[in-house]
Each structure stands twice: as C-alpha cells, then as structure tokens.
Amino acid sequence: MTKYHEIIRLSGLGLSQTNIALSCSASKATVNKVLKAAREQGLSWPLDPKLTDPVLNKLL
C-alpha cells in the first residue's frame, strides 16, 4: 500500500523525491504522482488528522 501520508509529510519536511521514495519503499514515479495529485487537491503538510491513507487513496 502506498504511504500517502508519509510521502506528503516527508515532502513537507523538504526531502527530495528520491529520498522520500527510498524511505517509503516506493518508486520515484509513485512519489511524483502522489505529490502532483496532492498539489492539485490543495493538500500540503500538515494534513488534517482525518486524512488517513485510505482516505487519501480515494482523494488522490
């Protein structure tokens, strides 16, 4: 399962997409896709606590 919350959190901390991918065991393409979709939805860190990974999966 993609760690949407963690990808957005690490991006908010200023990590590179490569480092985020390594940390989350995801491909750089997945990280890029998640961050692009998050930007399009106006999401950034810190996220609303109600936005769990399953909720983010449906949103993104």
PDB file of N, CA and C in Angstrom:
ATOM      1  N   MET A   1       0.839  -1.181   0.000  1.00  0.00           N
ATOM      2  CA  MET A   1       0.000   0.000   0.000  1.00  0.00           C
ATOM      3  C   MET A   1       0.887   1.249   0.000  1.00  0.00           C
ATOM      4  N   THR A   2       0.493   2.205  -0.781  1.00  0.00           N
ATOM      5  CA  THR A   2       1.232   3.458  -0.854  1.00  0.00           C
ATOM      6  C   THR A   2       1.043   4.250   0.437  1.00  0.00           C
ATOM      7  N   LYS A   3       2.130   4.795   0.943  1.00  0.00           N
ATOM      8  CA  LYS A   3       2.108   5.563   2.187  1.00  0.00           C
ATOM      9  C   LYS A   3       1.912   7.045   1.863  1.00  0.00           C
ATOM     10  N   TYR A   4       0.680   7.393   1.464  1.00  0.00           N
ATOM     11  CA  TYR A   4       0.379   8.760   1.028  1.00  0.00           C
ATOM     12  C   TYR A   4       0.738   9.782   2.097  1.00  0.00           C
ATOM     13  N   HIS A   5       0.293   9.530   3.306  1.00  0.00           N
ATOM     14  CA  HIS A   5       0.507  10.459   4.418  1.00  0.00           C
ATOM     15  C   HIS A   5       2.000  10.714   4.620  1.00  0.00           C
ATOM     16  N   GLU A   6       2.783   9.644   4.617  1.00  0.00           N
ATOM     17  CA  GLU A   6       4.223   9.760   4.855  1.00  0.00           C
ATOM     18  C   GLU A   6       4.920  10.473   3.700  1.00  0.00           C
ATOM     19  N   ILE A   7       4.493  10.224   2.481  1.00  0.00           N
ATOM     20  CA  ILE A   7       5.076  10.907   1.319  1.00  0.00           C
ATOM     21  C   ILE A   7       4.848  12.405   1.428  1.00  0.00           C
ATOM     22  N   ILE A   8       3.642  12.801   1.760  1.00  0.00           N
ATOM     23  CA  ILE A   8       3.327  14.234   1.885  1.00  0.00           C
ATOM     24  C   ILE A   8       4.069  14.841   3.074  1.00  0.00           C
ATOM     25  N   ARG A   9       4.164  14.095   4.169  1.00  0.00           N
ATOM     26  CA  ARG A   9       4.879  14.596   5.357  1.00  0.00           C
ATOM     27  C   ARG A   9       6.356  14.831   5.039  1.00  0.00           C
ATOM     28  N   LEU A  10       6.986  13.862   4.424  1.00  0.00           N
ATOM     29  CA  LEU A  10       8.415  13.994   4.123  1.00  0.00           C
ATOM     30  C   LEU A  10       8.672  15.103   3.112  1.00  0.00           C
ATOM     31  N   SER A  11       7.757  15.269   2.176  1.00  0.00           N
ATOM     32  CA  SER A  11       7.891  16.374   1.227  1.00  0.00           C
ATOM     33  C   SER A  11       7.793  17.712   1.955  1.00  0.00           C
ATOM     34  N   GLY A  12       6.876  17.785   2.917  1.00  0.00           N
ATOM     35  CA  GLY A  12       6.721  18.996   3.717  1.00  0.00           C
ATOM     36  C   GLY A  12       7.956  19.318   4.538  1.00  0.00           C
ATOM     37  N   LEU A  13       8.746  18.297   4.840  1.00  0.00           N
ATOM     38  CA  LEU A  13       9.994  18.499   5.578  1.00  0.00           C
ATOM     39  C   LEU A  13      11.157  18.852   4.662  1.00  0.00           C
ATOM     40  N   GLY A  14      10.889  18.857   3.351  1.00  0.00           N
ATOM     41  CA  GLY A  14      11.906  19.285   2.404  1.00  0.00           C
ATOM     42  C   GLY A  14      12.776  18.179   1.830  1.00  0.00           C
ATOM     43  N   LEU A  15      12.415  16.918   2.039  1.00  0.00           N
ATOM     44  CA  LEU A  15      13.200  15.824   1.475  1.00  0.00           C
ATOM     45  C   LEU A  15      13.001  15.749  -0.035  1.00  0.00           C
ATOM     46  N   SER A  16      14.016  15.268  -0.718  1.00  0.00           N
ATOM     47  CA  SER A  16      13.916  15.094  -2.165  1.00  0.00           C
ATOM     48  C   SER A  16      13.007  13.907  -2.474  1.00  0.00           C
ATOM     49  N   GLN A  17      12.502  13.878  -3.708  1.00  0.00           N
ATOM     50  CA  GLN A  17      11.643  12.770  -4.103  1.00  0.00           C
ATOM     51  C   GLN A  17      12.402  11.443  -4.052  1.00  0.00           C
ATOM     52  N   THR A  18      13.676  11.475  -4.363  1.00  0.00           N
ATOM     53  CA  THR A  18      14.487  10.260  -4.295  1.00  0.00           C
ATOM     54  C   THR A  18      14.566   9.747  -2.866  1.00  0.00           C
ATOM     55  N   ASN A  19      14.840  10.635  -1.922  1.00  0.00           N
ATOM     56  CA  ASN A  19      14.921  10.231  -0.515  1.00  0.00           C
ATOM     57  C   ASN A  19      13.570   9.770   0.023  1.00  0.00           C
ATOM     58  N   ILE A  20      12.497  10.429  -0.416  1.00  0.00           N
ATOM     59  CA  ILE A  20      11.156  10.013   0.003  1.00  0.00           C
ATOM     60  C   ILE A  20      10.874   8.608  -0.520  1.00  0.00           C
ATOM     61  N   ALA A  21      11.215   8.367  -1.778  1.00  0.00           N
ATOM     62  CA  ALA A  21      10.987   7.052  -2.377  1.00  0.00           C
ATOM     63  C   ALA A  21      11.736   5.970  -1.601  1.00  0.00           C
ATOM     64  N   LEU A  22      12.978   6.235  -1.266  1.00  0.00           N
ATOM     65  CA  LEU A  22      13.766   5.269  -0.504  1.00  0.00           C
ATOM     66  C   LEU A  22      13.162   5.028   0.878  1.00  0.00           C
ATOM     67  N   SER A  23      12.745   6.083   1.536  1.00  0.00           N
ATOM     68  CA  SER A  23      12.199   5.985   2.881  1.00  0.00           C
ATOM     69  C   SER A  23      10.865   5.233   2.909  1.00  0.00           C
ATOM     70  N   CYS A  24      10.068   5.405   1.868  1.00  0.00           N
ATOM     71  CA  CYS A  24       8.727   4.816   1.840  1.00  0.00           C
ATOM     72  C   CYS A  24       8.659   3.516   1.039  1.00  0.00           C
ATOM     73  N   SER A  25       9.788   3.036   0.573  1.00  0.00           N
ATOM     74  CA  SER A  25       9.820   1.822  -0.258  1.00  0.00           C
ATOM     75  C   SER A  25       8.867   1.937  -1.442  1.00  0.00           C
ATOM     76  N   ALA A  26       8.935   3.078  -2.100  1.00  0.00           N
ATOM     77  CA  ALA A  26       8.099   3.339  -3.269  1.00  0.00           C
ATOM     78  C   ALA A  26       9.001   3.788  -4.410  1.00  0.00           C
ATOM     79  N   SER A  27       8.480   3.747  -5.620  1.00  0.00           N
ATOM     80  CA  SER A  27       9.260   4.235  -6.748  1.00  0.00           C
ATOM     81  C   SER A  27       9.211   5.762  -6.773  1.00  0.00           C
ATOM     82  N   LYS A  28      10.194   6.354  -7.419  1.00  0.00           N
ATOM     83  CA  LYS A  28      10.209   7.804  -7.547  1.00  0.00           C
ATOM     84  C   LYS A  28       9.001   8.271  -8.361  1.00  0.00           C
ATOM     85  N   ALA A  29       8.582   7.455  -9.330  1.00  0.00           N
ATOM     86  CA  ALA A  29       7.397   7.793 -10.134  1.00  0.00           C
ATOM     87  C   ALA A  29       6.141   7.851  -9.259  1.00  0.00           C
ATOM     88  N   THR A  30       6.025   6.929  -8.306  1.00  0.00           N
ATOM     89  CA  THR A  30       4.882   6.929  -7.388  1.00  0.00           C
ATOM     90  C   THR A  30       4.903   8.176  -6.520  1.00  0.00           C
ATOM     91  N   VAL A  31       6.072   8.516  -5.991  1.00  0.00           N
ATOM     92  CA  VAL A  31       6.201   9.717  -5.162  1.00  0.00           C
ATOM     93  C   VAL A  31       5.816  10.947  -5.977  1.00  0.00           C
ATOM     94  N   ASN A  32       6.311  11.036  -7.194  1.00  0.00           N
ATOM     95  CA  ASN A  32       6.000  12.165  -8.068  1.00  0.00           C
ATOM     96  C   ASN A  32       4.494  12.253  -8.314  1.00  0.00           C
ATOM     97  N   LYS A  33       3.864  11.114  -8.594  1.00  0.00           N
ATOM     98  CA  LYS A  33       2.425  11.066  -8.855  1.00  0.00           C
ATOM     99  C   LYS A  33       1.622  11.508  -7.633  1.00  0.00           C
ATOM    100  N   VAL A  34       2.000  11.015  -6.459  1.00  0.00           N
ATOM    101  CA  VAL A  34       1.284  11.363  -5.223  1.00  0.00           C
ATOM    102  C   VAL A  34       1.416  12.859  -4.935  1.00  0.00           C
ATOM    103  N   LEU A  35       2.632  13.395  -5.062  1.00  0.00           N
ATOM    104  CA  LEU A  35       2.840  14.810  -4.767  1.00  0.00           C
ATOM    105  C   LEU A  35       2.130  15.705  -5.776  1.00  0.00           C
ATOM    106  N   LYS A  36       2.104  15.303  -7.029  1.00  0.00           N
ATOM    107  CA  LYS A  36       1.387  16.082  -8.046  1.00  0.00           C
ATOM    108  C   LYS A  36      -0.108  16.086  -7.745  1.00  0.00           C
ATOM    109  N   ALA A  37      -0.664  14.914  -7.427  1.00  0.00           N
ATOM    110  CA  ALA A  37      -2.088  14.821  -7.099  1.00  0.00           C
ATOM    111  C   ALA A  37      -2.417  15.616  -5.834  1.00  0.00           C
ATOM    112  N   ALA A  38      -1.518  15.576  -4.854  1.00  0.00           N
ATOM    113  CA  ALA A  38      -1.736  16.339  -3.613  1.00  0.00           C
ATOM    114  C   ALA A  38      -1.773  17.833  -3.906  1.00  0.00           C
ATOM    115  N   ARG A  39      -0.846  18.302  -4.737  1.00  0.00           N
ATOM    116  CA  ARG A  39      -0.849  19.725  -5.118  1.00  0.00           C
ATOM    117  C   ARG A  39      -2.146  20.097  -5.819  1.00  0.00           C
ATOM    118  N   GLU A  40      -2.593  19.235  -6.729  1.00  0.00           N
ATOM    119  CA  GLU A  40      -3.835  19.507  -7.458  1.00  0.00           C
ATOM    120  C   GLU A  40      -5.041  19.568  -6.529  1.00  0.00           C
ATOM    121  N   GLN A  41      -5.000  18.814  -5.425  1.00  0.00           N
ATOM    122  CA  GLN A  41      -6.083  18.820  -4.441  1.00  0.00           C
ATOM    123  C   GLN A  41      -5.890  19.900  -3.371  1.00  0.00           C
ATOM    124  N   GLY A  42      -4.787  20.633  -3.464  1.00  0.00           N
ATOM    125  CA  GLY A  42      -4.520  21.680  -2.482  1.00  0.00           C
ATOM    126  C   GLY A  42      -4.079  21.147  -1.133  1.00  0.00           C
ATOM    127  N   LEU A  43      -3.496  19.951  -1.120  1.00  0.00           N
ATOM    128  CA  LEU A  43      -3.058  19.335   0.135  1.00  0.00           C
ATOM    129  C   LEU A  43      -1.583  19.606   0.376  1.00  0.00           C
ATOM    130  N   SER A  44      -1.258  19.939   1.593  1.00  0.00           N
ATOM    131  CA  SER A  44       0.141  20.123   1.989  1.00  0.00           C
ATOM    132  C   SER A  44       0.257  19.795   3.469  1.00  0.00           C
ATOM    133  N   TRP A  45       1.505  19.631   3.901  1.00  0.00           N
ATOM    134  CA  TRP A  45       1.771  19.308   5.295  1.00  0.00           C
ATOM    135  C   TRP A  45       1.676  20.551   6.134  1.00  0.00           C
ATOM    136  N   PRO A  46       1.064  20.529   7.296  1.00  0.00           N
ATOM    137  CA  PRO A  46       0.465  19.384   7.983  1.00  0.00           C
ATOM    138  C   PRO A  46      -0.931  19.078   7.438  1.00  0.00           C
ATOM    139  N   LEU A  47      -1.249  17.809   7.370  1.00  0.00           N
ATOM    140  CA  LEU A  47      -2.551  17.353   6.896  1.00  0.00           C
ATOM    141  C   LEU A  47      -3.551  17.303   8.045  1.00  0.00           C
ATOM    142  N   ASP A  48      -4.809  17.424   7.684  1.00  0.00           N
ATOM    143  CA  ASP A  48      -5.892  17.220   8.641  1.00  0.00           C
ATOM    144  C   ASP A  48      -5.783  15.780   9.161  1.00  0.00           C
ATOM    145  N   PRO A  49      -5.870  15.562  10.467  1.00  0.00           N
ATOM    146  CA  PRO A  49      -5.755  14.213  11.021  1.00  0.00           C
ATOM    147  C   PRO A  49      -6.779  13.221  10.451  1.00  0.00           C
ATOM    148  N   LYS A  50      -7.884  13.720   9.905  1.00  0.00           N
ATOM    149  CA  LYS A  50      -8.897  12.854   9.326  1.00  0.00           C
ATOM    150  C   LYS A  50      -8.446  12.257   7.989  1.00  0.00           C
ATOM    151  N   LEU A  51      -7.390  12.808   7.405  1.00  0.00           N
ATOM    152  CA  LEU A  51      -6.906  12.337   6.114  1.00  0.00           C
ATOM    153  C   LEU A  51      -5.931  11.174   6.294  1.00  0.00           C
ATOM    154  N   THR A  52      -6.489  10.014   6.558  1.00  0.00           N
ATOM    155  CA  THR A  52      -5.682   8.806   6.700  1.00  0.00           C
ATOM    156  C   THR A  52      -5.304   8.290   5.318  1.00  0.00           C
ATOM    157  N   ASP A  53      -4.416   7.313   5.248  1.00  0.00           N
ATOM    158  CA  ASP A  53      -4.020   6.751   3.961  1.00  0.00           C
ATOM    159  C   ASP A  53      -5.200   6.238   3.140  1.00  0.00           C
ATOM    160  N   PRO A  54      -6.152   5.514   3.735  1.00  0.00           N
ATOM    161  CA  PRO A  54      -7.305   5.072   2.928  1.00  0.00           C
ATOM    162  C   PRO A  54      -8.123   6.249   2.361  1.00  0.00           C
ATOM    163  N   VAL A  55      -8.273   7.304   3.138  1.00  0.00           N
ATOM    164  CA  VAL A  55      -8.988   8.488   2.667  1.00  0.00           C
ATOM    165  C   VAL A  55      -8.189   9.170   1.557  1.00  0.00           C
ATOM    166  N   LEU A  56      -6.889   9.306   1.769  1.00  0.00           N
ATOM    167  CA  LEU A  56      -6.038   9.922   0.743  1.00  0.00           C
ATOM    168  C   LEU A  56      -6.017   9.084  -0.529  1.00  0.00           C
ATOM    169  N   ASN A  57      -6.080   7.785  -0.404  1.00  0.00           N
ATOM    170  CA  ASN A  57      -6.117   6.905  -1.568  1.00  0.00           C
ATOM    171  C   ASN A  57      -7.314   7.242  -2.451  1.00  0.00           C
ATOM    172  N   LYS A  58      -8.451   7.493  -1.837  1.00  0.00           N
ATOM    173  CA  LYS A  58      -9.651   7.829  -2.601  1.00  0.00           C
ATOM    174  C   LYS A  58      -9.577   9.243  -3.180  1.00  0.00           C
ATOM    175  N   LEU A  59      -8.983  10.168  -2.427  1.00  0.00           N
ATOM    176  CA  LEU A  59      -8.855  11.560  -2.878  1.00  0.00           C
ATOM    177  C   LEU A  59      -7.875  11.721  -4.028  1.00  0.00           C
ATOM    178  N   LEU A  60      -6.785  11.000  -3.936  1.00  0.00           N
ATOM    179  CA  LEU A  60      -5.716  11.182  -4.909  1.00  0.00           C
ATOM    180  C   LEU A  60      -5.828  10.165  -6.027  1.00  0.00           C
TER     181      LEU A  60
END
